[in-house]
């Protein structure tokens, strides 16, 4: 049986932390990607609301 190493993954990495065990890093690409994904999700939600309003 293999032993698994200790996992200390954190959610957001600050610039001054040396470790790479983070889900998100505070970098320009991550921020832009987050904004794009949020905008797309909001457009989908608005489209669903508008299409539901048209059906009635």
PDB file of N, CA and C in Angstrom:
ATOM      1  N   UNK A   1       0.845  -1.164   0.000  1.00  0.00           N
ATOM      2  CA  UNK A   1       0.000   0.000   0.000  1.00  0.00           C
ATOM      3  C   UNK A   1       0.904   1.246   0.000  1.00  0.00           C
ATOM      4  N   UNK A   2       0.562   2.214  -0.857  1.00  0.00           N
ATOM      5  CA  UNK A   2       1.356   3.435  -0.951  1.00  0.00           C
ATOM      6  C   UNK A   2       0.835   4.476   0.025  1.00  0.00           C
ATOM      7  N   UNK A   3       1.762   5.180   0.646  1.00  0.00           N
ATOM      8  CA  UNK A   3       1.369   6.270   1.530  1.00  0.00           C
ATOM      9  C   UNK A   3       1.285   7.555   0.726  1.00  0.00           C
ATOM     10  N   UNK A   4       0.293   8.329   1.042  1.00  0.00           N
ATOM     11  CA  UNK A   4       0.102   9.594   0.362  1.00  0.00           C
ATOM     12  C   UNK A   4       0.757  10.692   1.182  1.00  0.00           C
ATOM     13  N   UNK A   5       1.403  11.634   0.495  1.00  0.00           N
ATOM     14  CA  UNK A   5       2.067  12.730   1.181  1.00  0.00           C
ATOM     15  C   UNK A   5       1.072  13.704   1.784  1.00  0.00           C
ATOM     16  N   UNK A   6       1.580  14.571   2.611  1.00  0.00           N
ATOM     17  CA  UNK A   6       0.727  15.569   3.262  1.00  0.00           C
ATOM     18  C   UNK A   6       0.275  16.607   2.240  1.00  0.00           C
ATOM     19  N   UNK A   7      -1.004  16.898   2.229  1.00  0.00           N
ATOM     20  CA  UNK A   7      -1.546  17.881   1.304  1.00  0.00           C
ATOM     21  C   UNK A   7      -1.941  19.136   2.069  1.00  0.00           C
ATOM     22  N   UNK A   8      -1.338  20.235   1.675  1.00  0.00           N
ATOM     23  CA  UNK A   8      -1.663  21.508   2.303  1.00  0.00           C
ATOM     24  C   UNK A   8      -1.989  22.527   1.219  1.00  0.00           C
ATOM     25  N   UNK A   9      -2.898  22.173   0.355  1.00  0.00           N
ATOM     26  CA  UNK A   9      -3.279  23.059  -0.729  1.00  0.00           C
ATOM     27  C   UNK A   9      -4.145  24.194  -0.198  1.00  0.00           C
ATOM     28  N   UNK A  10      -3.780  25.404  -0.559  1.00  0.00           N
ATOM     29  CA  UNK A  10      -4.543  26.574  -0.153  1.00  0.00           C
ATOM     30  C   UNK A  10      -5.296  27.092  -1.369  1.00  0.00           C
ATOM     31  N   UNK A  11      -6.193  28.046  -1.169  1.00  0.00           N
ATOM     32  CA  UNK A  11      -7.057  28.500  -2.253  1.00  0.00           C
ATOM     33  C   UNK A  11      -6.422  29.587  -3.116  1.00  0.00           C
ATOM     34  N   UNK A  12      -5.918  30.653  -2.516  1.00  0.00           N
ATOM     35  CA  UNK A  12      -5.358  31.761  -3.284  1.00  0.00           C
ATOM     36  C   UNK A  12      -3.923  32.012  -2.843  1.00  0.00           C
ATOM     37  N   UNK A  13      -3.026  32.162  -3.809  1.00  0.00           N
ATOM     38  CA  UNK A  13      -1.612  32.392  -3.523  1.00  0.00           C
ATOM     39  C   UNK A  13      -1.311  33.883  -3.568  1.00  0.00           C
ATOM     40  N   UNK A  14      -0.651  34.365  -2.556  1.00  0.00           N
ATOM     41  CA  UNK A  14      -0.153  35.735  -2.553  1.00  0.00           C
ATOM     42  C   UNK A  14       1.191  35.745  -3.281  1.00  0.00           C
ATOM     43  N   UNK A  15       1.584  36.894  -3.789  1.00  0.00           N
ATOM     44  CA  UNK A  15       2.823  36.995  -4.564  1.00  0.00           C
ATOM     45  C   UNK A  15       4.070  36.665  -3.755  1.00  0.00           C
ATOM     46  N   UNK A  16       4.076  36.927  -2.476  1.00  0.00           N
ATOM     47  CA  UNK A  16       5.277  36.745  -1.666  1.00  0.00           C
ATOM     48  C   UNK A  16       5.431  35.337  -1.093  1.00  0.00           C
ATOM     49  N   UNK A  17       4.505  34.428  -1.343  1.00  0.00           N
ATOM     50  CA  UNK A  17       4.616  33.053  -0.860  1.00  0.00           C
ATOM     51  C   UNK A  17       5.359  32.203  -1.891  1.00  0.00           C
ATOM     52  N   UNK A  18       6.377  31.464  -1.477  1.00  0.00           N
ATOM     53  CA  UNK A  18       7.198  30.720  -2.437  1.00  0.00           C
ATOM     54  C   UNK A  18       6.586  29.408  -2.940  1.00  0.00           C
ATOM     55  N   UNK A  19       5.641  28.839  -2.247  1.00  0.00           N
ATOM     56  CA  UNK A  19       5.133  27.521  -2.606  1.00  0.00           C
ATOM     57  C   UNK A  19       4.171  27.576  -3.791  1.00  0.00           C
ATOM     58  N   UNK A  20       3.994  26.451  -4.482  1.00  0.00           N
ATOM     59  CA  UNK A  20       3.109  26.386  -5.646  1.00  0.00           C
ATOM     60  C   UNK A  20       1.829  25.604  -5.357  1.00  0.00           C
ATOM     61  N   UNK A  21       1.562  25.233  -4.128  1.00  0.00           N
ATOM     62  CA  UNK A  21       0.398  24.416  -3.797  1.00  0.00           C
ATOM     63  C   UNK A  21      -0.832  25.277  -3.556  1.00  0.00           C
ATOM     64  N   UNK A  22      -1.278  25.933  -4.612  1.00  0.00           N
ATOM     65  CA  UNK A  22      -2.453  26.802  -4.536  1.00  0.00           C
ATOM     66  C   UNK A  22      -3.361  26.514  -5.717  1.00  0.00           C
ATOM     67  N   UNK A  23      -4.652  26.702  -5.543  1.00  0.00           N
ATOM     68  CA  UNK A  23      -5.610  26.517  -6.620  1.00  0.00           C
ATOM     69  C   UNK A  23      -5.550  27.716  -7.557  1.00  0.00           C
ATOM     70  N   UNK A  24      -5.597  28.919  -7.008  1.00  0.00           N
ATOM     71  CA  UNK A  24      -5.524  30.149  -7.796  1.00  0.00           C
ATOM     72  C   UNK A  24      -4.319  30.962  -7.364  1.00  0.00           C
ATOM     73  N   UNK A  25      -3.707  31.657  -8.310  1.00  0.00           N
ATOM     74  CA  UNK A  25      -2.606  32.542  -7.995  1.00  0.00           C
ATOM     75  C   UNK A  25      -3.002  33.957  -8.360  1.00  0.00           C
ATOM     76  N   UNK A  26      -2.522  34.917  -7.604  1.00  0.00           N
ATOM     77  CA  UNK A  26      -2.870  36.311  -7.878  1.00  0.00           C
ATOM     78  C   UNK A  26      -1.975  36.832  -8.994  1.00  0.00           C
ATOM     79  N   UNK A  27      -2.287  36.395 -10.198  1.00  0.00           N
ATOM     80  CA  UNK A  27      -1.559  36.837 -11.376  1.00  0.00           C
ATOM     81  C   UNK A  27      -2.553  37.456 -12.343  1.00  0.00           C
ATOM     82  N   UNK A  28      -2.026  38.174 -13.321  1.00  0.00           N
ATOM     83  CA  UNK A  28      -2.875  38.874 -14.288  1.00  0.00           C
ATOM     84  C   UNK A  28      -3.738  37.890 -15.089  1.00  0.00           C
ATOM     85  N   UNK A  29      -3.159  36.770 -15.519  1.00  0.00           N
ATOM     86  CA  UNK A  29      -3.905  35.784 -16.311  1.00  0.00           C
ATOM     87  C   UNK A  29      -5.062  35.197 -15.506  1.00  0.00           C
ATOM     88  N   UNK A  30      -4.837  34.914 -14.246  1.00  0.00           N
ATOM     89  CA  UNK A  30      -5.876  34.339 -13.403  1.00  0.00           C
ATOM     90  C   UNK A  30      -7.020  35.330 -13.212  1.00  0.00           C
ATOM     91  N   UNK A  31      -6.685  36.601 -12.987  1.00  0.00           N
ATOM     92  CA  UNK A  31      -7.722  37.613 -12.790  1.00  0.00           C
ATOM     93  C   UNK A  31      -8.533  37.815 -14.060  1.00  0.00           C
ATOM     94  N   UNK A  32      -7.866  37.892 -15.209  1.00  0.00           N
ATOM     95  CA  UNK A  32      -8.574  38.074 -16.477  1.00  0.00           C
ATOM     96  C   UNK A  32      -9.469  36.867 -16.761  1.00  0.00           C
ATOM     97  N   UNK A  33      -8.953  35.670 -16.537  1.00  0.00           N
ATOM     98  CA  UNK A  33      -9.741  34.453 -16.746  1.00  0.00           C
ATOM     99  C   UNK A  33     -10.960  34.409 -15.844  1.00  0.00           C
ATOM    100  N   UNK A  34     -10.805  34.828 -14.604  1.00  0.00           N
ATOM    101  CA  UNK A  34     -11.926  34.866 -13.670  1.00  0.00           C
ATOM    102  C   UNK A  34     -12.996  35.836 -14.146  1.00  0.00           C
ATOM    103  N   UNK A  35     -12.583  37.015 -14.621  1.00  0.00           N
ATOM    104  CA  UNK A  35     -13.548  37.996 -15.125  1.00  0.00           C
ATOM    105  C   UNK A  35     -14.273  37.481 -16.361  1.00  0.00           C
ATOM    106  N   UNK A  36     -13.551  36.815 -17.258  1.00  0.00           N
ATOM    107  CA  UNK A  36     -14.170  36.291 -18.479  1.00  0.00           C
ATOM    108  C   UNK A  36     -15.191  35.215 -18.140  1.00  0.00           C
ATOM    109  N   UNK A  37     -14.830  34.284 -17.279  1.00  0.00           N
ATOM    110  CA  UNK A  37     -15.739  33.203 -16.900  1.00  0.00           C
ATOM    111  C   UNK A  37     -16.971  33.766 -16.194  1.00  0.00           C
ATOM    112  N   UNK A  38     -16.774  34.749 -15.309  1.00  0.00           N
ATOM    113  CA  UNK A  38     -17.902  35.367 -14.614  1.00  0.00           C
ATOM    114  C   UNK A  38     -18.832  36.061 -15.598  1.00  0.00           C
ATOM    115  N   UNK A  39     -18.271  36.768 -16.573  1.00  0.00           N
ATOM    116  CA  UNK A  39     -19.086  37.460 -17.572  1.00  0.00           C
ATOM    117  C   UNK A  39     -19.893  36.468 -18.403  1.00  0.00           C
ATOM    118  N   UNK A  40     -19.273  35.368 -18.805  1.00  0.00           N
ATOM    119  CA  UNK A  40     -19.983  34.356 -19.594  1.00  0.00           C
ATOM    120  C   UNK A  40     -21.121  33.743 -18.786  1.00  0.00           C
ATOM    121  N   UNK A  41     -20.863  33.423 -17.523  1.00  0.00           N
ATOM    122  CA  UNK A  41     -21.916  32.856 -16.669  1.00  0.00           C
ATOM    123  C   UNK A  41     -23.066  33.836 -16.481  1.00  0.00           C
ATOM    124  N   UNK A  42     -22.754  35.111 -16.295  1.00  0.00           N
ATOM    125  CA  UNK A  42     -23.809  36.112 -16.146  1.00  0.00           C
ATOM    126  C   UNK A  42     -24.638  36.235 -17.432  1.00  0.00           C
ATOM    127  N   UNK A  43     -23.979  36.174 -18.590  1.00  0.00           N
ATOM    128  CA  UNK A  43     -24.711  36.240 -19.860  1.00  0.00           C
ATOM    129  C   UNK A  43     -25.639  35.036 -20.022  1.00  0.00           C
ATOM    130  N   UNK A  44     -25.181  33.873 -19.603  1.00  0.00           N
ATOM    131  CA  UNK A  44     -26.019  32.670 -19.689  1.00  0.00           C
ATOM    132  C   UNK A  44     -27.226  32.812 -18.769  1.00  0.00           C
ATOM    133  N   UNK A  45     -27.020  33.297 -17.558  1.00  0.00           N
ATOM    134  CA  UNK A  45     -28.126  33.479 -16.605  1.00  0.00           C
ATOM    135  C   UNK A  45     -29.137  34.484 -17.141  1.00  0.00           C
ATOM    136  N   UNK A  46     -28.657  35.601 -17.686  1.00  0.00           N
ATOM    137  CA  UNK A  46     -29.555  36.610 -18.249  1.00  0.00           C
ATOM    138  C   UNK A  46     -30.327  36.036 -19.434  1.00  0.00           C
ATOM    139  N   UNK A  47     -29.645  35.276 -20.290  1.00  0.00           N
ATOM    140  CA  UNK A  47     -30.313  34.668 -21.442  1.00  0.00           C
ATOM    141  C   UNK A  47     -31.396  33.689 -20.995  1.00  0.00           C
ATOM    142  N   UNK A  48     -31.133  32.922 -19.949  1.00  0.00           N
ATOM    143  CA  UNK A  48     -32.144  31.986 -19.440  1.00  0.00           C
ATOM    144  C   UNK A  48     -33.346  32.733 -18.877  1.00  0.00           C
ATOM    145  N   UNK A  49     -33.104  33.809 -18.165  1.00  0.00           N
ATOM    146  CA  UNK A  49     -34.196  34.592 -17.605  1.00  0.00           C
ATOM    147  C   UNK A  49     -35.029  35.210 -18.716  1.00  0.00           C
ATOM    148  N   UNK A  50     -34.362  35.776 -19.725  1.00  0.00           N
ATOM    149  CA  UNK A  50     -35.089  36.397 -20.834  1.00  0.00           C
ATOM    150  C   UNK A  50     -35.866  35.374 -21.654  1.00  0.00           C
ATOM    151  N   UNK A  51     -35.286  34.202 -21.862  1.00  0.00           N
ATOM    152  CA  UNK A  51     -36.004  33.188 -22.628  1.00  0.00           C
ATOM    153  C   UNK A  51     -37.195  32.648 -21.841  1.00  0.00           C
ATOM    154  N   UNK A  52     -37.088  32.567 -20.534  1.00  0.00           N
ATOM    155  CA  UNK A  52     -38.205  32.118 -19.712  1.00  0.00           C
ATOM    156  C   UNK A  52     -39.314  33.161 -19.726  1.00  0.00           C
ATOM    157  N   UNK A  53     -38.949  34.420 -19.786  1.00  0.00           N
ATOM    158  CA  UNK A  53     -39.951  35.497 -19.838  1.00  0.00           C
ATOM    159  C   UNK A  53     -40.690  35.490 -21.176  1.00  0.00           C
ATOM    160  N   UNK A  54     -40.024  35.106 -22.257  1.00  0.00           N
ATOM    161  CA  UNK A  54     -40.651  35.060 -23.577  1.00  0.00           C
ATOM    162  C   UNK A  54     -41.654  33.912 -23.697  1.00  0.00           C
ATOM    163  N   UNK A  55     -41.453  32.860 -22.942  1.00  0.00           N
ATOM    164  CA  UNK A  55     -42.339  31.685 -23.040  1.00  0.00           C
ATOM    165  C   UNK A  55     -43.708  31.978 -22.458  1.00  0.00           C
ATOM    166  N   UNK A  56     -43.788  32.783 -21.444  1.00  0.00           N
ATOM    167  CA  UNK A  56     -45.058  33.032 -20.759  1.00  0.00           C
ATOM    168  C   UNK A  56     -46.009  33.802 -21.585  1.00  0.00           C
TER     169      UNK A  56
END
